[in-house]
């Protein structure tokens, strides 16, 4: 269950401290003096009357102020302090597990060279049995060339690991699959495609994440003839969720999507979003690029617009027009997942469908996922919450029916 943070708090700016009981009053005074919102969660005192306290600030500036003042005012009473973001990152966030039994010498012998030789000989003669006698069918490669990580400029591949590891955790939780974060030091889309091609024999599927959409398009084109399941977080994630949210946003205002006028700002960032919106029945779709024209023409058209889908982040959107912000590089917080689209709304279900059916995701499967997402939203909301127990199974089932022609 995703638990929203208290009002004003953001766990991304959190520290945990240990202080003796005599310092509690001073901690409360410091919180009251903070320049921004700070929430406090303290456990019961442990041995020696020491309290473990978690402090969540509302911003990096507040957190920096908080850390400095705690050290200055508490001095020796500040027994320990740790930044929880860096603590979580230092764990690597997920780990490998051994599935084979290794209790006895007999068990271990089944993993030896002679045993491997027998299985390899069989697979050489029966290559279609690979998924039956290896773990490949459970493994997913989560690949990035670090060209579109959050709001950063292109990064060194290894610098993207924290973001890719976090996404791997979320996908593993949603699907149960073994998801491996793999930043690739690629010098352009051709290198990226070559890396995916080389990794393909060991994985059931590959997902491109935190990768510039132009690189995604180029890699997909280069891999078109490779028999491998390739998904990406824009086309198979964000675009699907944004389309479902847009359809529900119109329906909540009793507007028939076929008669709606929707403006898509900076459509090039959205992958197949424009195609999905049309397939979902949007009757009038206008593409708008604010870079050469600014926002003034958009304000002039505002009276006839039913919804704006903003992929770039308009500084001054037209007042009074419903706005759906959907920035590929900066997905909304998990706790806000019922108001704004995230790749994780659709990606786990589409991944499950692709692996289950052994078929590539098609536009029809994405549209089926759109319909499943829209149908599972609670009354008055645009999308179902990410922890909805039926979310991934419903999307997977709908997409699988579209892929196999069933139903």
Protein backbone atom coordinates (compact mmCIF):
# COMPACT_ATOMS: atom_id res chain seq x y z
CA UNK A 1 0.00 0.00 0.00
CA UNK A 2 1.36 3.42 -0.94
CA UNK A 3 0.94 5.72 2.04
CA UNK A 4 0.88 9.44 1.23
CA UNK A 5 3.35 11.56 3.16
CA UNK A 6 1.99 14.02 5.71
CA UNK A 7 1.09 17.43 4.31
CA UNK A 8 4.20 19.38 3.40
CA UNK A 9 6.61 16.49 3.85
CA UNK A 10 8.67 14.83 1.15
CA UNK A 11 10.59 11.66 2.06
CA UNK A 12 13.14 12.54 -0.63
CA UNK A 13 14.41 15.11 1.92
CA UNK A 14 14.62 12.97 5.04
CA UNK A 15 17.12 12.36 7.80
CA UNK A 16 17.08 9.97 10.71
CA UNK A 17 18.68 11.00 13.99
CA UNK A 18 19.31 9.33 17.33
CA UNK A 19 19.13 11.48 20.44
CA UNK A 20 18.74 10.90 24.19
CA UNK A 21 15.43 11.67 25.85
CA UNK A 22 16.78 14.91 27.30
CA UNK A 23 17.21 16.30 23.76
CA UNK A 24 13.59 15.81 22.63
CA UNK A 25 12.47 19.28 23.69
CA UNK A 26 15.34 20.85 21.75
CA UNK A 27 14.43 18.84 18.64
CA UNK A 28 10.84 20.07 18.87
CA UNK A 29 12.05 23.66 19.16
CA UNK A 30 14.26 23.26 16.10
CA UNK A 31 11.35 21.83 14.08
CA UNK A 32 9.17 24.78 15.12
CA UNK A 33 11.88 27.23 13.99
CA UNK A 34 12.43 25.57 10.58
CA UNK A 35 12.01 27.83 7.52
CA UNK A 36 9.81 25.21 5.82
CA UNK A 37 7.53 22.32 6.71
CA UNK A 38 9.07 19.49 8.74
CA UNK A 39 7.28 16.39 9.99
CA UNK A 40 8.58 14.20 12.79
CA UNK A 41 8.15 10.50 13.54
CA UNK A 42 9.78 9.18 16.70
CA UNK A 43 9.86 5.62 17.99
CA UNK A 44 9.81 4.51 21.59
CA UNK A 45 13.06 4.99 23.48
CA UNK A 46 15.45 2.07 23.24
CA UNK A 47 18.36 1.02 25.40
CA UNK A 48 19.74 3.93 27.37
CA UNK A 49 16.64 6.01 26.61
CA UNK A 50 17.77 6.73 23.03
CA UNK A 51 15.11 7.83 20.52
CA UNK A 52 15.22 7.16 16.78
CA UNK A 53 13.59 10.11 15.01
CA UNK A 54 12.79 10.50 11.31
CA UNK A 55 12.48 14.06 10.06
CA UNK A 56 10.96 14.75 6.64
CA UNK A 57 11.51 18.24 5.19
CA UNK A 58 9.66 19.91 2.36
CA UNK A 59 12.72 20.80 0.27
CA UNK A 60 16.49 20.54 -0.04
CA UNK A 61 16.91 24.02 1.48
CA UNK A 62 14.88 23.10 4.58
CA UNK A 63 16.78 19.83 4.94
CA UNK A 64 20.15 21.61 4.73
CA UNK A 65 19.03 24.14 7.35
CA UNK A 66 17.72 21.36 9.57
CA UNK A 67 20.94 19.35 9.46
CA UNK A 68 23.10 22.36 10.24
CA UNK A 69 20.98 23.59 13.15
CA UNK A 70 20.65 20.11 14.67
CA UNK A 71 24.42 19.73 14.72
CA UNK A 72 24.92 23.25 16.12
CA UNK A 73 22.30 23.18 18.89
CA UNK A 74 22.44 19.56 19.98
CA UNK A 75 26.19 19.02 19.82
CA UNK A 76 27.07 15.86 21.71
CA UNK A 77 23.39 15.00 22.16
CA UNK A 78 23.13 14.33 18.43
CA UNK A 79 24.29 10.72 18.66
CA UNK A 80 23.83 9.83 15.01
CA UNK A 81 22.42 11.30 11.81
CA UNK A 82 21.85 9.64 8.47
CA UNK A 83 20.34 10.84 5.19
CA UNK A 84 17.70 8.22 4.36
CA UNK A 85 17.87 8.79 0.60
CA UNK A 86 21.54 7.87 0.51
CA UNK A 87 20.96 4.99 2.94
CA UNK A 88 18.33 3.51 0.59
CA UNK A 89 20.58 4.05 -2.43
CA UNK A 90 23.55 2.37 -0.77
CA UNK A 91 21.65 -0.94 -0.48
CA UNK A 92 21.46 -1.30 -4.25
CA UNK A 93 17.65 -1.55 -3.71
CA UNK A 94 17.32 -5.13 -4.96
CA UNK A 95 19.41 -8.30 -4.96
CA UNK A 96 19.73 -11.68 -6.62
CA UNK A 97 18.45 -14.86 -5.00
CA UNK A 98 19.39 -18.52 -5.50
CA UNK A 99 16.50 -20.62 -6.78
CA UNK A 100 18.26 -23.97 -7.01
CA UNK A 101 18.53 -26.18 -3.91
CA UNK A 102 22.11 -26.20 -2.52
CA UNK A 103 21.60 -28.02 0.79
CA UNK A 104 23.61 -31.19 0.15
CA UNK A 105 26.61 -32.20 -1.91
CA UNK A 106 24.23 -33.99 -4.25
CA UNK A 107 22.35 -30.71 -4.80
CA UNK A 108 25.56 -28.84 -5.56
CA UNK A 109 26.67 -31.52 -8.01
CA UNK A 110 23.60 -30.75 -10.10
CA UNK A 111 25.17 -27.33 -10.72
CA UNK A 112 28.55 -28.71 -11.81
CA UNK A 113 30.10 -28.81 -15.26
CA UNK A 114 28.97 -32.35 -16.11
CA UNK A 115 25.37 -31.46 -15.26
CA UNK A 116 25.57 -28.23 -17.24
CA UNK A 117 27.02 -30.11 -20.21
CA UNK A 118 23.96 -32.39 -20.34
CA UNK A 119 21.51 -29.46 -20.34
CA UNK A 120 23.56 -27.48 -22.89
CA UNK A 121 23.73 -30.50 -25.19
CA UNK A 122 19.95 -30.79 -24.98
CA UNK A 123 19.44 -27.08 -25.69
CA UNK A 124 21.79 -27.22 -28.66
CA UNK A 125 19.49 -29.86 -30.15
CA UNK A 126 16.24 -28.27 -28.90
CA UNK A 127 16.72 -24.46 -28.83
CA UNK A 128 13.01 -23.85 -28.19
CA UNK A 129 13.42 -25.49 -24.76
CA UNK A 130 15.69 -22.70 -23.45
CA UNK A 131 12.98 -21.04 -21.37
CA UNK A 132 11.94 -24.40 -19.96
CA UNK A 133 15.38 -25.25 -18.60
CA UNK A 134 16.80 -21.83 -17.69
CA UNK A 135 15.63 -18.78 -15.79
CA UNK A 136 15.45 -16.61 -18.89
CA UNK A 137 11.64 -16.50 -18.94
CA UNK A 138 11.68 -14.65 -15.58
CA UNK A 139 14.46 -12.18 -16.42
CA UNK A 140 13.97 -8.66 -17.71
CA UNK A 141 16.75 -6.27 -18.74
CA UNK A 142 16.07 -2.68 -17.71
CA UNK A 143 18.35 -0.76 -20.04
CA UNK A 144 19.26 2.92 -20.26
CA UNK A 145 21.84 4.93 -22.13
CA UNK A 146 21.39 7.70 -19.51
CA UNK A 147 20.28 10.17 -22.19
CA UNK A 148 17.04 11.23 -20.42
CA UNK A 149 17.34 10.73 -16.67
CA UNK A 150 14.89 12.94 -14.80
CA UNK A 151 15.74 16.58 -15.57
CA UNK A 152 19.45 16.00 -16.12
CA UNK A 153 21.47 16.46 -19.24
CA UNK A 154 22.88 13.17 -20.62
CA UNK A 155 24.87 11.46 -17.85
CA UNK A 156 27.62 8.91 -17.52
CA UNK A 157 25.91 5.52 -17.64
CA UNK A 158 26.72 4.52 -14.06
CA UNK A 159 25.30 7.79 -12.70
CA UNK A 160 21.84 6.66 -13.82
CA UNK A 161 21.92 3.57 -11.60
CA UNK A 162 19.87 5.00 -8.67
CA UNK A 163 16.95 5.85 -10.96
CA UNK A 164 17.12 2.55 -12.84
CA UNK A 165 17.40 0.55 -9.62
CA UNK A 166 14.31 2.28 -8.21
CA UNK A 167 12.32 1.50 -11.34
CA UNK A 168 13.53 -2.11 -11.20
CA UNK A 169 12.17 -2.40 -7.65
CA UNK A 170 8.76 -1.07 -8.69
CA UNK A 171 8.55 -3.38 -11.71
CA UNK A 172 9.61 -6.40 -9.65
CA UNK A 173 6.98 -5.64 -7.02
CA UNK A 174 4.26 -5.29 -9.64
CA UNK A 175 5.14 -8.33 -11.77
CA UNK A 176 7.21 -10.73 -9.65
CA UNK A 177 9.75 -10.90 -12.47
CA UNK A 178 13.51 -10.62 -11.94
CA UNK A 179 14.39 -7.14 -13.23
CA UNK A 180 18.05 -6.25 -13.77
CA UNK A 181 19.10 -2.57 -13.99
CA UNK A 182 21.64 -2.22 -16.82
CA UNK A 183 23.03 1.22 -17.71
CA UNK A 184 24.80 1.02 -21.06
CA UNK A 185 27.74 3.21 -22.08
CA UNK A 186 26.33 3.74 -25.55
CA UNK A 187 27.54 6.39 -27.99
CA UNK A 188 24.25 6.88 -29.81
CA UNK A 189 21.24 4.76 -30.76
CA UNK A 190 23.25 2.30 -32.85
CA UNK A 191 25.35 1.35 -29.82
CA UNK A 192 22.19 1.07 -27.74
CA UNK A 193 20.57 -1.26 -30.27
CA UNK A 194 23.75 -3.34 -30.48
CA UNK A 195 23.84 -3.70 -26.70
CA UNK A 196 20.20 -4.84 -26.58
CA UNK A 197 20.90 -7.29 -29.39
CA UNK A 198 23.83 -8.76 -27.46
CA UNK A 199 21.86 -9.00 -24.20
CA UNK A 200 18.76 -10.52 -25.79
CA UNK A 201 19.76 -14.21 -25.49
CA UNK A 202 19.75 -13.98 -21.69
CA UNK A 203 16.49 -12.10 -21.11
CA UNK A 204 12.82 -12.65 -21.82
CA UNK A 205 12.38 -8.96 -22.57
CA UNK A 206 14.19 -5.64 -22.54
CA UNK A 207 12.72 -2.33 -21.41
CA UNK A 208 14.30 0.98 -22.38
CA UNK A 209 13.99 3.49 -19.54
CA UNK A 210 15.45 6.96 -18.91
CA UNK A 211 16.38 7.03 -22.59
CA UNK A 212 15.69 9.91 -24.98
CA UNK A 213 12.66 9.18 -27.12
CA UNK A 214 14.64 9.72 -30.33
CA UNK A 215 17.11 7.06 -29.18
CA UNK A 216 14.18 4.77 -28.38
CA UNK A 217 12.73 5.22 -31.87
CA UNK A 218 16.10 4.59 -33.51
CA UNK A 219 16.83 1.52 -31.37
CA UNK A 220 13.37 0.08 -32.10
CA UNK A 221 13.92 0.56 -35.82
CA UNK A 222 17.33 -1.11 -35.67
CA UNK A 223 15.91 -4.05 -33.72
CA UNK A 224 12.79 -4.48 -35.82
CA UNK A 225 13.98 -7.76 -37.31
CA UNK A 226 15.40 -9.13 -34.04
CA UNK A 227 13.06 -11.71 -32.43
CA UNK A 228 13.11 -10.12 -28.99
CA UNK A 229 10.47 -8.46 -26.80
CA UNK A 230 11.36 -4.77 -26.56
CA UNK A 231 9.30 -2.29 -24.55
CA UNK A 232 9.98 1.25 -23.41
CA UNK A 233 8.70 3.44 -20.60
CA UNK A 234 7.29 6.13 -22.92
CA UNK A 235 5.32 4.20 -25.54
CA UNK A 236 4.37 1.30 -23.26
CA UNK A 237 4.05 3.31 -20.09
CA UNK A 238 3.56 7.04 -20.09
CA UNK A 239 1.63 7.28 -23.38
CA UNK A 240 -0.86 4.62 -22.29
CA UNK A 241 -1.43 6.17 -18.87
CA UNK A 242 -1.74 9.69 -20.31
CA UNK A 243 -4.34 8.56 -22.83
CA UNK A 244 -6.41 6.85 -20.12
CA UNK A 245 -6.17 9.95 -17.93
CA UNK A 246 -7.20 12.21 -20.82
CA UNK A 247 -10.25 10.07 -21.66
CA UNK A 248 -11.36 10.08 -18.03
CA UNK A 249 -10.70 13.82 -17.68
CA UNK A 250 -13.14 14.45 -20.51
CA UNK A 251 -15.72 11.97 -19.27
CA UNK A 252 -15.68 13.52 -15.79
CA UNK A 253 -16.84 16.76 -17.43
CA UNK A 254 -19.44 14.89 -19.51
CA UNK A 255 -17.55 15.60 -22.74
CA UNK A 256 -17.73 12.95 -25.42
CA UNK A 257 -14.09 12.30 -26.50
CA UNK A 258 -15.28 12.17 -30.11
CA UNK A 259 -16.41 15.79 -29.85
CA UNK A 260 -13.54 17.02 -27.68
CA UNK A 261 -10.82 19.39 -28.80
CA UNK A 262 -7.52 18.35 -27.24
CA UNK A 263 -4.19 20.12 -27.62
CA UNK A 264 -1.00 18.11 -27.27
CA UNK A 265 1.93 20.36 -26.35
CA UNK A 266 5.31 19.18 -27.70
CA UNK A 267 4.00 15.89 -29.14
CA UNK A 268 7.45 14.65 -30.10
CA UNK A 269 8.18 13.81 -26.46
CA UNK A 270 5.21 11.49 -26.13
CA UNK A 271 6.15 8.62 -28.38
CA UNK A 272 2.94 6.97 -29.59
CA UNK A 273 0.75 9.21 -27.42
CA UNK A 274 -0.78 11.04 -30.38
CA UNK A 275 -1.68 7.79 -32.11
CA UNK A 276 -3.21 6.40 -28.93
CA UNK A 277 -5.30 9.52 -28.36
CA UNK A 278 -6.73 9.22 -31.86
CA UNK A 279 -7.30 5.47 -31.44
CA UNK A 280 -9.07 6.16 -28.13
CA UNK A 281 -11.58 8.31 -29.98
CA UNK A 282 -10.33 11.88 -29.51
CA UNK A 283 -12.11 13.67 -32.32
CA UNK A 284 -10.03 16.84 -32.64
CA UNK A 285 -6.33 16.66 -31.76
CA UNK A 286 -4.08 19.69 -32.27
CA UNK A 287 -0.30 19.51 -32.04
CA UNK A 288 1.37 22.56 -30.54
CA UNK A 289 5.06 23.38 -30.29
CA UNK A 290 5.67 26.25 -27.84
CA UNK A 291 9.37 26.61 -28.68
CA UNK A 292 8.96 28.64 -31.90
CA UNK A 293 5.57 30.18 -31.08
CA UNK A 294 5.52 30.72 -27.31
CA UNK A 295 2.24 30.39 -25.42
CA UNK A 296 0.40 33.48 -26.73
CA UNK A 297 -1.34 31.68 -29.66
CA UNK A 298 -2.42 28.95 -27.26
CA UNK A 299 -4.06 31.56 -25.03
CA UNK A 300 -5.91 32.91 -28.06
CA UNK A 301 -7.32 29.45 -28.79
CA UNK A 302 -8.22 28.73 -25.16
CA UNK A 303 -11.98 29.26 -25.47
CA UNK A 304 -12.38 26.29 -27.78
CA UNK A 305 -10.04 23.87 -25.98
CA UNK A 306 -11.44 21.09 -23.78
CA UNK A 307 -8.10 19.73 -22.53
CA UNK A 308 -4.39 20.50 -22.83
CA UNK A 309 -1.90 17.64 -22.45
CA UNK A 310 1.43 19.28 -21.62
CA UNK A 311 4.58 17.26 -22.25
CA UNK A 312 7.06 20.09 -21.75
CA UNK A 313 5.82 22.09 -18.75
CA UNK A 314 4.13 25.32 -19.80
CA UNK A 315 5.24 28.25 -17.67
CA UNK A 316 1.96 30.11 -18.24
CA UNK A 317 -0.85 27.82 -19.41
CA UNK A 318 -4.15 29.40 -20.46
CA UNK A 319 -6.31 30.04 -17.38
CA UNK A 320 -9.50 28.03 -17.06
CA UNK A 321 -8.51 25.23 -19.45
CA UNK A 322 -8.04 21.79 -17.83
CA UNK A 323 -4.36 20.87 -17.99
CA UNK A 324 -2.86 17.39 -17.78
CA UNK A 325 0.86 17.64 -17.08
CA UNK A 326 2.68 14.58 -18.35
CA UNK A 327 6.42 15.15 -18.48
CA UNK A 328 8.32 12.02 -19.54
CA UNK A 329 11.49 13.00 -17.65
CA UNK A 330 9.78 13.93 -14.38
CA UNK A 331 6.95 11.55 -13.45
CA UNK A 332 4.78 12.70 -10.55
CA UNK A 333 5.29 11.39 -7.01
CA UNK A 334 3.98 7.89 -6.40
CA UNK A 335 1.43 9.21 -3.90
CA UNK A 336 0.00 11.49 -6.61
CA UNK A 337 -0.51 8.63 -9.02
CA UNK A 338 -4.29 9.01 -9.16
CA UNK A 339 -4.03 12.55 -10.55
CA UNK A 340 -1.16 12.26 -13.02
CA UNK A 341 0.05 9.47 -15.31
CA UNK A 342 3.11 7.38 -14.51
CA UNK A 343 4.77 4.74 -16.71
CA UNK A 344 4.11 2.24 -13.91
CA UNK A 345 0.35 2.41 -14.48
CA UNK A 346 0.61 0.40 -17.69
CA UNK A 347 4.18 -0.88 -18.10
CA UNK A 348 3.99 -3.81 -15.61
CA UNK A 349 0.81 -5.15 -17.21
CA UNK A 350 2.07 -4.78 -20.76
CA UNK A 351 5.36 -6.44 -19.79
CA UNK A 352 3.47 -9.35 -18.24
CA UNK A 353 1.31 -9.71 -21.35
CA UNK A 354 4.31 -9.65 -23.70
CA UNK A 355 6.17 -12.33 -21.75
CA UNK A 356 3.08 -14.50 -21.22
CA UNK A 357 2.07 -14.48 -24.88
CA UNK A 358 5.62 -14.21 -26.27
CA UNK A 359 4.37 -11.48 -28.61
CA UNK A 360 5.49 -7.94 -29.16
CA UNK A 361 3.31 -5.16 -27.82
CA UNK A 362 1.13 -3.72 -30.60
CA UNK A 363 -0.94 -0.52 -30.85
CA UNK A 364 -4.03 -2.67 -30.24
CA UNK A 365 -2.52 -3.98 -26.99
CA UNK A 366 -1.73 -0.44 -25.85
CA UNK A 367 -5.29 0.65 -26.62
CA UNK A 368 -6.62 -2.32 -24.65
CA UNK A 369 -4.41 -1.22 -21.74
CA UNK A 370 -5.82 2.31 -22.04
CA UNK A 371 -9.35 0.97 -21.72
CA UNK A 372 -8.44 -1.22 -18.73
CA UNK A 373 -6.78 1.70 -16.94
CA UNK A 374 -9.69 4.05 -17.58
CA UNK A 375 -12.20 1.45 -16.39
CA UNK A 376 -10.39 0.80 -13.10
CA UNK A 377 -10.20 4.44 -12.01
CA UNK A 378 -12.30 5.21 -8.96
CA UNK A 379 -15.21 7.63 -9.22
CA UNK A 380 -13.99 11.18 -9.73
CA UNK A 381 -10.35 10.18 -10.43
CA UNK A 382 -8.37 10.06 -13.64
CA UNK A 383 -6.46 6.83 -13.02
CA UNK A 384 -6.45 3.93 -10.57
CA UNK A 385 -3.88 4.13 -7.77
CA UNK A 386 -0.66 2.25 -8.46
CA UNK A 387 -1.31 -0.13 -5.56
CA UNK A 388 -4.76 -1.14 -6.86
CA UNK A 389 -4.61 -4.95 -6.50
CA UNK A 390 -6.26 -5.57 -9.88
CA UNK A 391 -4.29 -2.99 -11.85
CA UNK A 392 -1.46 -5.06 -13.33
CA UNK A 393 -3.58 -8.23 -13.83
CA UNK A 394 -6.34 -6.24 -15.57
CA UNK A 395 -3.93 -4.48 -17.93
CA UNK A 396 -2.08 -7.74 -18.61
CA UNK A 397 -5.28 -9.64 -19.36
CA UNK A 398 -6.65 -6.93 -21.67
CA UNK A 399 -3.37 -6.62 -23.55
CA UNK A 400 -2.97 -10.39 -23.84
CA UNK A 401 -6.44 -10.69 -25.38
CA UNK A 402 -5.51 -8.03 -27.92
CA UNK A 403 -2.22 -9.77 -28.72
CA UNK A 404 -3.74 -13.21 -29.20
CA UNK A 405 -7.03 -12.14 -30.76
CA UNK A 406 -8.96 -13.81 -27.94
CA UNK A 407 -12.26 -12.39 -26.77
